[in-house]
Amino acid sequence: MSGLRVIPTWRHGQERLYVCRADGSNVAWYDREAARVNLLGESHRDDVLEALGPFLTGPVTVGPPPVPNPAELARLSLHPDDDLAPNRPGEALMIALDRDPGPAHRLRPDPRRRALAAEQAVGEALDRLDGAGWHTLHSIPLPGGGRIHHLAIGPGGLFAVHTLNARKQRVQVADPMVTLGRHEPEPLLRRIRAEAGRASYALTAEVHALLALTGPADLRVTAPPRDVRVLRDTELPGLASLGGVLKPADVEGLHAMARDRRTWGKV
């Protein structure tokens, strides 16, 4: 076999190296932490080890992977270009800023950079739920140019999380309007509900809407909004206490479906 390439992926500080054919399909992966090369076919052994040679860091076990569950099989068959799991918090904003950084003489900070910092703060808080059995995907693109900032999947259910930079500003929520500082109120909760609805349609599962505010000076909610949670970023770790909705196998299966870009193509 020729033309194998090694693709590194990172998730929560852990590295896996996938060995792929030219068409992007996987033939093996190297789990550096477990010191194990998992082969999807014994006939690939020599070619895989040759491709991984520069990356191996000592003795490794080589053999077939543990019996994969359906979610693992779905992930292994996923082309890297269609895999949303490697997306970083604020991925879409980072790409936009790289393409168009804006004028260097701007008198005020680019609002996109403040929005990016907010998405990164919320994304990092959600990623830390991983130890409690949660998975989070970031910057999920939707048809028409929209996107879901974060999708959290765990024992407590599914949450489409919309981030709002509210640093040192007062926030008032009067369903469906959200007022940020001295800005005009906007019907943000309608948009957030619509994003959660599109996610529910794509995943054929109930997805809850969540508005995450970063660093507000004050938060006033006139009445609990219908079907939308409103949390400060510092309150997001509390999601880890939620449970009883999804079993671990359900979490893995929904994560495998949600990370596939094609899942979102018709919503």
C-alpha atoms as a PDB file:
ATOM      1  CA  MET A   1       0.000   0.000   0.000  1.00  0.00           C
ATOM      2  CA  SER A   2       1.317   3.490  -0.835  1.00  0.00           C
ATOM      3  CA  GLY A   3       0.171   7.045  -0.335  1.00  0.00           C
ATOM      4  CA  LEU A   4      -0.636   6.705   3.363  1.00  0.00           C
ATOM      5  CA  ARG A   5      -0.627   9.933   5.331  1.00  0.00           C
ATOM      6  CA  VAL A   6      -0.646  10.617   9.063  1.00  0.00           C
ATOM      7  CA  ILE A   7      -3.162  13.138  10.410  1.00  0.00           C
ATOM      8  CA  PRO A   8      -2.731  14.290  14.035  1.00  0.00           C
ATOM      9  CA  THR A   9      -5.826  15.288  16.031  1.00  0.00           C
ATOM     10  CA  TRP A  10      -6.020  16.878  19.437  1.00  0.00           C
ATOM     11  CA  ARG A  11      -8.884  16.757  21.917  1.00  0.00           C
ATOM     12  CA  HIS A  12      -8.582  18.076  25.487  1.00  0.00           C
ATOM     13  CA  GLY A  13      -4.799  17.813  25.324  1.00  0.00           C
ATOM     14  CA  GLN A  14      -4.736  14.201  24.147  1.00  0.00           C
ATOM     15  CA  GLU A  15      -3.242  13.324  20.779  1.00  0.00           C
ATOM     16  CA  ARG A  16      -4.221  10.623  18.327  1.00  0.00           C
ATOM     17  CA  LEU A  17      -2.518  10.042  15.001  1.00  0.00           C
ATOM     18  CA  TYR A  18      -4.745   8.648  12.241  1.00  0.00           C
ATOM     19  CA  VAL A  19      -3.242   6.847   9.267  1.00  0.00           C
ATOM     20  CA  CYS A  20      -5.345   7.486   6.173  1.00  0.00           C
ATOM     21  CA  ARG A  21      -5.467   6.509   2.533  1.00  0.00           C
ATOM     22  CA  ALA A  22      -5.358   9.185  -0.135  1.00  0.00           C
ATOM     23  CA  ASP A  23      -9.174   9.300  -0.173  1.00  0.00           C
ATOM     24  CA  GLY A  24      -9.224  10.142   3.549  1.00  0.00           C
ATOM     25  CA  SER A  25     -10.448   6.778   4.862  1.00  0.00           C
ATOM     26  CA  ASN A  26      -8.721   5.453   7.975  1.00  0.00           C
ATOM     27  CA  VAL A  27      -6.648   2.272   8.075  1.00  0.00           C
ATOM     28  CA  ALA A  28      -5.199   2.661  11.597  1.00  0.00           C
ATOM     29  CA  TRP A  29      -4.624   5.044  14.450  1.00  0.00           C
ATOM     30  CA  TYR A  30      -1.878   5.494  17.024  1.00  0.00           C
ATOM     31  CA  ASP A  31      -2.943   6.222  20.578  1.00  0.00           C
ATOM     32  CA  ARG A  32       0.198   7.773  22.022  1.00  0.00           C
ATOM     33  CA  GLU A  33      -1.037   7.700  25.621  1.00  0.00           C
ATOM     34  CA  ALA A  34      -1.873   3.984  25.441  1.00  0.00           C
ATOM     35  CA  ALA A  35       1.253   3.242  23.344  1.00  0.00           C
ATOM     36  CA  ARG A  36      -0.908   1.253  20.942  1.00  0.00           C
ATOM     37  CA  VAL A  37      -1.259   1.154  17.174  1.00  0.00           C
ATOM     38  CA  ASN A  38      -4.760   0.004  16.270  1.00  0.00           C
ATOM     39  CA  LEU A  39      -4.973  -1.681  12.858  1.00  0.00           C
ATOM     40  CA  LEU A  40      -8.194  -1.952  10.901  1.00  0.00           C
ATOM     41  CA  GLY A  41      -6.644  -4.683   8.774  1.00  0.00           C
ATOM     42  CA  GLU A  42      -3.634  -6.908   9.439  1.00  0.00           C
ATOM     43  CA  SER A  43      -2.530  -6.637   5.807  1.00  0.00           C
ATOM     44  CA  HIS A  44      -1.767  -2.944   6.413  1.00  0.00           C
ATOM     45  CA  ARG A  45       0.667  -3.570   9.284  1.00  0.00           C
ATOM     46  CA  ASP A  46       4.006  -2.909   7.538  1.00  0.00           C
ATOM     47  CA  ASP A  47       2.799   0.137   5.619  1.00  0.00           C
ATOM     48  CA  VAL A  48       1.165   1.633   8.699  1.00  0.00           C
ATOM     49  CA  LEU A  49       4.256   1.163  10.848  1.00  0.00           C
ATOM     50  CA  GLU A  50       6.417   2.680   8.120  1.00  0.00           C
ATOM     51  CA  ALA A  51       4.138   5.744   7.920  1.00  0.00           C
ATOM     52  CA  LEU A  52       4.075   6.110  11.716  1.00  0.00           C
ATOM     53  CA  GLY A  53       7.816   5.524  12.096  1.00  0.00           C
ATOM     54  CA  PRO A  54       8.763   9.189  12.692  1.00  0.00           C
ATOM     55  CA  PHE A  55       6.015   9.544  15.305  1.00  0.00           C
ATOM     56  CA  LEU A  56       6.515   6.446  17.463  1.00  0.00           C
ATOM     57  CA  THR A  57       8.061   7.263  20.826  1.00  0.00           C
ATOM     58  CA  GLY A  58       9.080   3.871  22.165  1.00  0.00           C
ATOM     59  CA  PRO A  59       7.721   0.316  22.294  1.00  0.00           C
ATOM     60  CA  VAL A  60       4.125   0.013  21.142  1.00  0.00           C
ATOM     61  CA  THR A  61       1.489  -2.688  21.004  1.00  0.00           C
ATOM     62  CA  VAL A  62       0.228  -3.368  17.491  1.00  0.00           C
ATOM     63  CA  GLY A  63      -3.016  -5.140  16.774  1.00  0.00           C
ATOM     64  CA  PRO A  64      -6.702  -4.813  16.017  1.00  0.00           C
ATOM     65  CA  PRO A  65      -8.597  -2.210  18.034  1.00  0.00           C
ATOM     66  CA  PRO A  66     -10.903  -3.178  20.853  1.00  0.00           C
ATOM     67  CA  VAL A  67     -14.322  -4.158  19.527  1.00  0.00           C
ATOM     68  CA  PRO A  68     -15.691  -0.771  18.436  1.00  0.00           C
ATOM     69  CA  ASN A  69     -19.155   0.406  19.307  1.00  0.00           C
ATOM     70  CA  PRO A  70     -21.411   1.881  16.601  1.00  0.00           C
ATOM     71  CA  ALA A  71     -20.302   5.418  17.454  1.00  0.00           C
ATOM     72  CA  GLU A  72     -16.639   4.486  17.025  1.00  0.00           C
ATOM     73  CA  LEU A  73     -17.378   2.800  13.711  1.00  0.00           C
ATOM     74  CA  ALA A  74     -19.174   5.913  12.496  1.00  0.00           C
ATOM     75  CA  ARG A  75     -16.212   8.074  13.484  1.00  0.00           C
ATOM     76  CA  LEU A  76     -13.703   5.803  11.784  1.00  0.00           C
ATOM     77  CA  SER A  77     -15.632   5.984   8.523  1.00  0.00           C
ATOM     78  CA  LEU A  78     -15.823   9.786   8.677  1.00  0.00           C
ATOM     79  CA  HIS A  79     -13.689  11.720   6.215  1.00  0.00           C
ATOM     80  CA  PRO A  80     -11.430  14.227   8.055  1.00  0.00           C
ATOM     81  CA  ASP A  81     -12.895  17.117   6.062  1.00  0.00           C
ATOM     82  CA  ASP A  82     -16.368  16.246   7.364  1.00  0.00           C
ATOM     83  CA  ASP A  83     -15.334  15.863  11.000  1.00  0.00           C
ATOM     84  CA  LEU A  84     -16.365  18.869  13.126  1.00  0.00           C
ATOM     85  CA  ALA A  85     -14.830  17.555  16.359  1.00  0.00           C
ATOM     86  CA  PRO A  86     -11.433  19.266  15.798  1.00  0.00           C
ATOM     87  CA  ASN A  87     -13.133  22.691  15.565  1.00  0.00           C
ATOM     88  CA  ARG A  88     -11.840  25.057  18.246  1.00  0.00           C
ATOM     89  CA  PRO A  89     -14.136  27.439  20.153  1.00  0.00           C
ATOM     90  CA  GLY A  90     -14.690  30.400  17.866  1.00  0.00           C
ATOM     91  CA  GLU A  91     -13.292  28.551  14.840  1.00  0.00           C
ATOM     92  CA  ALA A  92     -15.409  30.516  12.354  1.00  0.00           C
ATOM     93  CA  LEU A  93     -14.376  33.856  13.858  1.00  0.00           C
ATOM     94  CA  MET A  94     -10.708  32.872  13.809  1.00  0.00           C
ATOM     95  CA  ILE A  95     -10.957  32.025  10.115  1.00  0.00           C
ATOM     96  CA  ALA A  96     -12.766  35.307   9.390  1.00  0.00           C
ATOM     97  CA  LEU A  97     -10.136  37.322  11.251  1.00  0.00           C
ATOM     98  CA  ASP A  98      -7.328  35.530   9.444  1.00  0.00           C
ATOM     99  CA  ARG A  99      -8.912  36.337   6.088  1.00  0.00           C
ATOM    100  CA  ASP A 100      -9.777  39.921   6.961  1.00  0.00           C
ATOM    101  CA  PRO A 101      -7.976  41.227  10.068  1.00  0.00           C
ATOM    102  CA  GLY A 102      -9.347  44.726   9.520  1.00  0.00           C
ATOM    103  CA  PRO A 103      -7.429  48.015   9.480  1.00  0.00           C
ATOM    104  CA  ALA A 104      -4.518  48.291  11.901  1.00  0.00           C
ATOM    105  CA  HIS A 105      -5.460  51.891  12.799  1.00  0.00           C
ATOM    106  CA  ARG A 106      -8.898  50.961  14.162  1.00  0.00           C
ATOM    107  CA  LEU A 107      -9.733  53.318  17.065  1.00  0.00           C
ATOM    108  CA  ARG A 108     -11.884  50.760  18.856  1.00  0.00           C
ATOM    109  CA  PRO A 109     -11.163  47.046  19.258  1.00  0.00           C
ATOM    110  CA  ASP A 110     -12.667  44.896  16.534  1.00  0.00           C
ATOM    111  CA  PRO A 111     -15.940  43.540  18.003  1.00  0.00           C
ATOM    112  CA  ARG A 112     -15.162  40.212  16.369  1.00  0.00           C
ATOM    113  CA  ARG A 113     -12.175  39.820  18.681  1.00  0.00           C
ATOM    114  CA  ARG A 114     -14.321  40.420  21.763  1.00  0.00           C
ATOM    115  CA  ALA A 115     -16.860  37.902  20.439  1.00  0.00           C
ATOM    116  CA  LEU A 116     -14.031  35.428  19.840  1.00  0.00           C
ATOM    117  CA  ALA A 117     -12.723  35.834  23.394  1.00  0.00           C
ATOM    118  CA  ALA A 118     -16.239  35.188  24.699  1.00  0.00           C
ATOM    119  CA  GLU A 119     -16.665  32.024  22.614  1.00  0.00           C
ATOM    120  CA  GLN A 120     -13.274  30.783  23.738  1.00  0.00           C
ATOM    121  CA  ALA A 121     -14.144  31.331  27.408  1.00  0.00           C
ATOM    122  CA  VAL A 122     -17.471  29.509  27.089  1.00  0.00           C
ATOM    123  CA  GLY A 123     -15.967  26.778  24.932  1.00  0.00           C
ATOM    124  CA  GLU A 124     -13.199  26.096  27.432  1.00  0.00           C
ATOM    125  CA  ALA A 125     -15.736  25.894  30.271  1.00  0.00           C
ATOM    126  CA  LEU A 126     -17.796  23.391  28.300  1.00  0.00           C
ATOM    127  CA  ASP A 127     -14.753  21.338  27.299  1.00  0.00           C
ATOM    128  CA  ARG A 128     -13.914  20.910  30.968  1.00  0.00           C
ATOM    129  CA  LEU A 129     -17.160  18.917  31.338  1.00  0.00           C
ATOM    130  CA  ASP A 130     -15.506  16.107  29.389  1.00  0.00           C
ATOM    131  CA  GLY A 131     -14.517  14.335  32.595  1.00  0.00           C
ATOM    132  CA  ALA A 132     -18.178  14.201  33.617  1.00  0.00           C
ATOM    133  CA  GLY A 133     -19.156  12.322  30.464  1.00  0.00           C
ATOM    134  CA  TRP A 134     -19.909  15.286  28.190  1.00  0.00           C
ATOM    135  CA  HIS A 135     -18.771  16.065  24.647  1.00  0.00           C
ATOM    136  CA  THR A 136     -18.815  19.559  23.149  1.00  0.00           C
ATOM    137  CA  LEU A 137     -18.632  20.552  19.489  1.00  0.00           C
ATOM    138  CA  HIS A 138     -17.839  24.106  18.472  1.00  0.00           C
ATOM    139  CA  SER A 139     -18.721  26.395  15.574  1.00  0.00           C
ATOM    140  CA  ILE A 140     -21.152  24.048  13.809  1.00  0.00           C
ATOM    141  CA  PRO A 141     -21.945  25.519  10.364  1.00  0.00           C
ATOM    142  CA  LEU A 142     -25.557  25.699   9.259  1.00  0.00           C
ATOM    143  CA  PRO A 143     -26.935  26.230   5.754  1.00  0.00           C
ATOM    144  CA  GLY A 144     -27.452  29.895   4.954  1.00  0.00           C
ATOM    145  CA  GLY A 145     -24.335  31.088   6.764  1.00  0.00           C
ATOM    146  CA  GLY A 146     -25.517  30.577  10.343  1.00  0.00           C
ATOM    147  CA  ARG A 147     -23.806  28.486  12.972  1.00  0.00           C
ATOM    148  CA  ILE A 148     -24.287  27.011  16.415  1.00  0.00           C
ATOM    149  CA  HIS A 149     -21.584  28.392  18.701  1.00  0.00           C
ATOM    150  CA  HIS A 150     -21.395  25.238  20.839  1.00  0.00           C
ATOM    151  CA  LEU A 151     -23.303  21.968  21.113  1.00  0.00           C
ATOM    152  CA  ALA A 152     -22.944  20.222  24.489  1.00  0.00           C
ATOM    153  CA  ILE A 153     -23.956  16.558  24.687  1.00  0.00           C
ATOM    154  CA  GLY A 154     -23.961  14.728  27.985  1.00  0.00           C
ATOM    155  CA  PRO A 155     -25.899  12.865  30.659  1.00  0.00           C
ATOM    156  CA  GLY A 156     -28.103  15.932  31.175  1.00  0.00           C
ATOM    157  CA  GLY A 157     -29.165  16.109  27.520  1.00  0.00           C
ATOM    158  CA  LEU A 158     -28.237  18.244  24.527  1.00  0.00           C
ATOM    159  CA  PHE A 159     -27.736  22.011  24.644  1.00  0.00           C
ATOM    160  CA  ALA A 160     -27.284  24.423  21.750  1.00  0.00           C
ATOM    161  CA  VAL A 161     -25.239  27.158  23.429  1.00  0.00           C
ATOM    162  CA  HIS A 162     -25.193  30.707  22.100  1.00  0.00           C
ATOM    163  CA  THR A 163     -22.437  32.935  23.515  1.00  0.00           C
ATOM    164  CA  LEU A 164     -22.907  36.648  24.166  1.00  0.00           C
ATOM    165  CA  ASN A 165     -20.024  38.890  25.179  1.00  0.00           C
ATOM    166  CA  ALA A 166     -21.395  40.910  28.109  1.00  0.00           C
ATOM    167  CA  ARG A 167     -18.155  41.907  29.814  1.00  0.00           C
ATOM    168  CA  LYS A 168     -18.786  44.634  32.432  1.00  0.00           C
ATOM    169  CA  GLN A 169     -22.213  45.383  30.978  1.00  0.00           C
ATOM    170  CA  ARG A 170     -25.710  45.101  32.363  1.00  0.00           C
ATOM    171  CA  VAL A 171     -27.917  42.532  30.720  1.00  0.00           C
ATOM    172  CA  GLN A 172     -31.686  42.462  30.864  1.00  0.00           C
ATOM    173  CA  VAL A 173     -33.692  39.554  29.510  1.00  0.00           C
ATOM    174  CA  ALA A 174     -37.384  40.059  28.778  1.00  0.00           C
ATOM    175  CA  ASP A 175     -38.439  37.205  26.540  1.00  0.00           C
ATOM    176  CA  PRO A 176     -37.761  37.367  23.618  1.00  0.00           C
ATOM    177  CA  MET A 177     -35.726  40.575  23.983  1.00  0.00           C
ATOM    178  CA  VAL A 178     -32.181  40.836  25.325  1.00  0.00           C
ATOM    179  CA  THR A 179     -30.759  44.249  26.188  1.00  0.00           C
ATOM    180  CA  LEU A 180     -26.993  44.567  26.452  1.00  0.00           C
ATOM    181  CA  GLY A 181     -25.756  47.720  28.139  1.00  0.00           C
ATOM    182  CA  ARG A 182     -26.975  50.792  26.264  1.00  0.00           C
ATOM    183  CA  HIS A 183     -27.629  48.924  23.046  1.00  0.00           C
ATOM    184  CA  GLU A 184     -31.109  48.587  21.629  1.00  0.00           C
ATOM    185  CA  PRO A 185     -32.993  45.464  22.713  1.00  0.00           C
ATOM    186  CA  GLU A 186     -32.967  42.641  20.180  1.00  0.00           C
ATOM    187  CA  PRO A 187     -35.070  39.467  19.968  1.00  0.00           C
ATOM    188  CA  LEU A 188     -32.054  37.227  20.546  1.00  0.00           C
ATOM    189  CA  LEU A 189     -34.021  34.460  22.269  1.00  0.00           C
ATOM    190  CA  ARG A 190     -35.982  33.829  19.057  1.00  0.00           C
ATOM    191  CA  ARG A 191     -32.727  33.216  17.215  1.00  0.00           C
ATOM    192  CA  ILE A 192     -31.437  30.930  19.966  1.00  0.00           C
ATOM    193  CA  ARG A 193     -34.654  28.894  19.953  1.00  0.00           C
ATOM    194  CA  ALA A 194     -34.436  28.618  16.173  1.00  0.00           C
ATOM    195  CA  GLU A 195     -30.852  27.297  16.399  1.00  0.00           C
ATOM    196  CA  ALA A 196     -31.901  24.694  18.973  1.00  0.00           C
ATOM    197  CA  GLY A 197     -34.853  23.735  16.774  1.00  0.00           C
ATOM    198  CA  ARG A 198     -32.614  23.184  13.773  1.00  0.00           C
ATOM    199  CA  ALA A 199     -30.296  21.054  15.903  1.00  0.00           C
ATOM    200  CA  SER A 200     -33.263  18.999  17.122  1.00  0.00           C
ATOM    201  CA  TYR A 201     -34.318  18.402  13.525  1.00  0.00           C
ATOM    202  CA  ALA A 202     -30.801  17.383  12.458  1.00  0.00           C
ATOM    203  CA  LEU A 203     -30.237  15.000  15.365  1.00  0.00           C
ATOM    204  CA  THR A 204     -33.858  13.792  15.752  1.00  0.00           C
ATOM    205  CA  ALA A 205     -33.501  14.448  19.481  1.00  0.00           C
ATOM    206  CA  GLU A 206     -34.560  17.191  21.873  1.00  0.00           C
ATOM    207  CA  VAL A 207     -31.996  19.987  22.004  1.00  0.00           C
ATOM    208  CA  HIS A 208     -32.342  22.692  24.653  1.00  0.00           C
ATOM    209  CA  ALA A 209     -31.453  26.322  24.002  1.00  0.00           C
ATOM    210  CA  LEU A 210     -28.927  27.994  26.278  1.00  0.00           C
ATOM    211  CA  LEU A 211     -27.668  31.587  26.336  1.00  0.00           C
ATOM    212  CA  ALA A 212     -24.223  31.896  27.938  1.00  0.00           C
ATOM    213  CA  LEU A 213     -23.157  35.382  29.043  1.00  0.00           C
ATOM    214  CA  THR A 214     -19.479  36.143  29.627  1.00  0.00           C
ATOM    215  CA  GLY A 215     -18.607  38.517  32.455  1.00  0.00           C
ATOM    216  CA  PRO A 216     -21.831  40.530  32.854  1.00  0.00           C
ATOM    217  CA  ALA A 217     -21.773  43.288  35.471  1.00  0.00           C
ATOM    218  CA  ASP A 218     -25.411  42.563  36.253  1.00  0.00           C
ATOM    219  CA  LEU A 219     -28.063  40.170  34.965  1.00  0.00           C
ATOM    220  CA  ARG A 220     -31.780  40.765  35.289  1.00  0.00           C
ATOM    221  CA  VAL A 221     -34.346  38.296  33.997  1.00  0.00           C
ATOM    222  CA  THR A 222     -37.889  39.624  34.217  1.00  0.00           C
ATOM    223  CA  ALA A 223     -39.358  36.115  34.024  1.00  0.00           C
ATOM    224  CA  PRO A 224     -37.873  32.706  33.233  1.00  0.00           C
ATOM    225  CA  PRO A 225     -37.694  32.579  29.415  1.00  0.00           C
ATOM    226  CA  ARG A 226     -39.657  29.878  27.668  1.00  0.00           C
ATOM    227  CA  ASP A 227     -37.431  26.936  26.711  1.00  0.00           C
ATOM    228  CA  VAL A 228     -34.170  28.888  27.101  1.00  0.00           C
ATOM    229  CA  ARG A 229     -31.663  28.683  29.937  1.00  0.00           C
ATOM    230  CA  VAL A 230     -29.716  31.860  30.677  1.00  0.00           C
ATOM    231  CA  LEU A 231     -26.410  31.301  32.482  1.00  0.00           C
ATOM    232  CA  ARG A 232     -23.246  33.219  33.226  1.00  0.00           C
ATOM    233  CA  ASP A 233     -20.115  31.527  31.948  1.00  0.00           C
ATOM    234  CA  THR A 234     -19.100  30.873  35.558  1.00  0.00           C
ATOM    235  CA  GLU A 235     -22.292  28.825  36.025  1.00  0.00           C
ATOM    236  CA  LEU A 236     -21.636  26.445  33.136  1.00  0.00           C
ATOM    237  CA  PRO A 237     -19.780  23.876  35.302  1.00  0.00           C
ATOM    238  CA  GLY A 238     -23.149  23.272  36.958  1.00  0.00           C
ATOM    239  CA  LEU A 239     -24.244  21.354  33.863  1.00  0.00           C
ATOM    240  CA  ALA A 240     -22.076  18.500  35.143  1.00  0.00           C
ATOM    241  CA  SER A 241     -24.612  17.930  37.920  1.00  0.00           C
ATOM    242  CA  LEU A 242     -27.391  17.254  35.408  1.00  0.00           C
ATOM    243  CA  GLY A 243     -28.076  13.642  34.572  1.00  0.00           C
ATOM    244  CA  GLY A 244     -30.687  11.014  34.040  1.00  0.00           C
ATOM    245  CA  VAL A 245     -31.484  12.029  30.463  1.00  0.00           C
ATOM    246  CA  LEU A 246     -28.946  10.244  28.263  1.00  0.00           C
ATOM    247  CA  LYS A 247     -27.067   7.013  28.818  1.00  0.00           C
ATOM    248  CA  PRO A 248     -23.341   6.922  27.922  1.00  0.00           C
ATOM    249  CA  ALA A 249     -24.065   4.968  24.734  1.00  0.00           C
ATOM    250  CA  ASP A 250     -26.655   7.593  23.717  1.00  0.00           C
ATOM    251  CA  VAL A 251     -24.140  10.375  24.356  1.00  0.00           C
ATOM    252  CA  GLU A 252     -21.550   8.671  22.169  1.00  0.00           C
ATOM    253  CA  GLY A 253     -24.048   7.945  19.405  1.00  0.00           C
ATOM    254  CA  LEU A 254     -25.362  11.520  19.281  1.00  0.00           C
ATOM    255  CA  HIS A 255     -21.828  12.888  19.373  1.00  0.00           C
ATOM    256  CA  ALA A 256     -20.867  10.676  16.427  1.00  0.00           C
ATOM    257  CA  MET A 257     -23.874  11.960  14.474  1.00  0.00           C
ATOM    258  CA  ALA A 258     -23.357  15.618  15.406  1.00  0.00           C
ATOM    259  CA  ARG A 259     -19.662  15.712  14.514  1.00  0.00           C
ATOM    260  CA  ASP A 260     -20.466  14.719  10.906  1.00  0.00           C
ATOM    261  CA  ARG A 261     -20.759  17.884   8.811  1.00  0.00           C
ATOM    262  CA  ARG A 262     -23.229  16.131   6.529  1.00  0.00           C
ATOM    263  CA  THR A 263     -25.723  15.839   9.395  1.00  0.00           C
ATOM    264  CA  TRP A 264     -26.272  19.595   9.212  1.00  0.00           C
ATOM    265  CA  GLY A 265     -26.583  19.969   5.454  1.00  0.00           C
ATOM    266  CA  LYS A 266     -30.392  20.053   5.242  1.00  0.00           C
ATOM    267  CA  VAL A 267     -31.485  22.055   8.266  1.00  0.00           C
END
